[in-house]
Amino acid sequence: MEIIQSIVPKSVKNVRPGIAMSPKYITIHNTANEKADAMAHAKYLLNGAGGASKSWHFTVDDKVIVQHLPTNEVGWHAGDGRGPGNMSSIGVEICEHKGIDFEKAVQNAAWLVRKLMAEH
């Protein structure tokens, strides 16, 4: 499966803090957003996440995987500030918008996790 690169610019500090990381974990969440697919989440992060300090490395839906941050940089996705969730893990969000084939999205996420585990 192809991974679409939509890397947030370094200038968007609230989304891309630019802190180096050696990943030890992978944290998986669901988006809890009934209206947005992976590309919509990419646009959200590229546009500064509404000013919030939040980010993750990949968004996965039933059609695409989009990468937002390099895997060697911290994202703000685990809710633990500078704890191990943010400082040591790659964040993956699985979409759950209306009309999605959620099982396919989960399969795509599993493929991504296997790839990331092999790489890291």
Protein backbone atom coordinates (compact mmCIF):
# COMPACT_ATOMS: atom_id res chain seq x y z
CA MET A 1 0.00 0.00 0.00
CA GLU A 2 1.23 3.48 -0.81
CA ILE A 3 1.75 6.03 1.95
CA ILE A 4 0.89 9.58 0.90
CA GLN A 5 3.34 12.13 2.25
CA SER A 6 1.64 15.23 3.67
CA ILE A 7 4.36 16.35 6.06
CA VAL A 8 3.47 19.36 8.20
CA PRO A 9 5.99 22.18 7.71
CA LYS A 10 8.48 22.80 10.53
CA SER A 11 7.05 26.31 10.88
CA VAL A 12 3.78 24.92 12.31
CA LYS A 13 5.26 24.43 15.80
CA ASN A 14 2.00 23.55 17.62
CA VAL A 15 1.58 20.57 15.27
CA ARG A 16 5.22 19.75 14.54
CA PRO A 17 7.30 20.46 17.64
CA GLY A 18 10.52 19.34 15.95
CA ILE A 19 11.73 17.28 18.92
CA ALA A 20 13.89 14.32 17.91
CA MET A 21 12.60 10.87 18.86
CA SER A 22 13.78 7.27 18.68
CA PRO A 23 10.42 5.44 18.60
CA LYS A 24 9.91 2.52 20.97
CA TYR A 25 6.13 2.17 20.72
CA ILE A 26 3.21 2.63 18.37
CA THR A 27 0.09 4.26 19.77
CA ILE A 28 -3.17 3.61 17.91
CA HIS A 29 -6.30 5.74 18.26
CA ASN A 30 -9.55 6.16 16.38
CA THR A 31 -10.32 9.65 15.12
CA ALA A 32 -13.79 9.93 16.72
CA ASN A 33 -14.69 12.17 13.80
CA GLU A 34 -17.73 11.07 11.78
CA LYS A 35 -17.12 13.60 9.01
CA ALA A 36 -13.46 13.35 8.02
CA ASP A 37 -11.38 10.87 6.05
CA ALA A 38 -7.57 10.66 6.09
CA MET A 39 -7.09 13.49 3.59
CA ALA A 40 -9.36 15.80 5.60
CA HIS A 41 -7.29 15.09 8.70
CA ALA A 42 -4.14 15.89 6.70
CA LYS A 43 -5.59 19.29 5.74
CA TYR A 44 -6.54 19.92 9.37
CA LEU A 45 -2.96 19.35 10.54
CA LEU A 46 -1.43 21.29 7.63
CA ASN A 47 -3.67 24.22 8.54
CA GLY A 48 -2.47 24.27 12.15
CA ALA A 49 -5.02 22.03 13.94
CA GLY A 50 -7.14 25.03 14.87
CA GLY A 51 -4.26 26.34 16.99
CA ALA A 52 -4.26 23.28 19.26
CA SER A 53 -1.06 21.44 20.22
CA LYS A 54 -1.96 18.12 18.63
CA SER A 55 -0.49 15.90 15.98
CA TRP A 56 0.16 12.32 15.02
CA HIS A 57 2.29 10.59 12.47
CA PHE A 58 -0.24 8.74 10.28
CA THR A 59 -3.96 8.80 9.50
CA VAL A 60 -5.43 5.64 8.00
CA ASP A 61 -8.77 5.09 6.29
CA ASP A 62 -10.14 2.40 4.00
CA LYS A 63 -8.48 3.88 0.90
CA VAL A 64 -5.26 5.65 1.92
CA ILE A 65 -2.59 6.10 4.55
CA VAL A 66 -1.32 9.65 5.01
CA GLN A 67 1.90 10.55 6.84
CA HIS A 68 2.00 13.91 8.65
CA LEU A 69 5.22 13.79 10.70
CA PRO A 70 8.57 12.05 10.26
CA THR A 71 8.75 8.97 12.47
CA ASN A 72 11.91 10.30 14.13
CA GLU A 73 10.06 13.34 15.53
CA VAL A 74 7.67 13.69 18.48
CA GLY A 75 3.93 14.17 17.92
CA TRP A 76 1.35 15.44 20.42
CA HIS A 77 -1.09 12.52 20.33
CA ALA A 78 -0.96 10.55 23.58
CA GLY A 79 -2.26 13.08 26.10
CA ASP A 80 0.69 12.58 28.44
CA GLY A 81 2.60 15.80 27.79
CA ARG A 82 6.27 14.91 27.72
CA GLY A 83 5.61 11.35 28.90
CA PRO A 84 6.55 8.19 26.98
CA GLY A 85 3.35 8.18 24.91
CA ASN A 86 4.31 11.37 23.11
CA MET A 87 8.07 11.27 23.49
CA SER A 88 8.61 7.63 22.46
CA SER A 89 5.73 6.51 20.24
CA ILE A 90 4.55 6.82 16.68
CA GLY A 91 0.91 7.95 16.60
CA VAL A 92 -1.54 6.26 14.21
CA GLU A 93 -5.15 7.44 13.87
CA ILE A 94 -7.75 5.16 12.25
CA CYS A 95 -10.65 7.04 10.65
CA GLU A 96 -14.23 6.15 11.48
CA HIS A 97 -16.27 8.56 9.35
CA LYS A 98 -19.70 7.73 7.98
CA GLY A 99 -19.60 5.41 4.99
CA ILE A 100 -16.13 4.04 5.69
CA ASP A 101 -15.33 0.35 5.39
CA PHE A 102 -13.96 0.32 8.93
CA GLU A 103 -12.70 -3.27 8.73
CA LYS A 104 -10.61 -2.31 5.68
CA ALA A 105 -9.27 0.73 7.56
CA VAL A 106 -8.23 -1.55 10.43
CA GLN A 107 -6.53 -3.92 7.95
CA ASN A 108 -4.67 -0.96 6.43
CA ALA A 109 -3.58 0.14 9.90
CA ALA A 110 -2.35 -3.38 10.67
CA TRP A 111 -0.31 -3.33 7.45
CA LEU A 112 1.20 0.03 8.50
CA VAL A 113 2.01 -1.20 12.01
CA ARG A 114 3.77 -4.28 10.61
CA LYS A 115 5.80 -2.01 8.31
CA LEU A 116 6.71 0.38 11.12
CA MET A 117 7.71 -2.48 13.42
CA ALA A 118 10.00 -3.89 10.73
CA GLU A 119 11.57 -0.46 10.16
CA HIS A 120 12.00 0.50 13.81
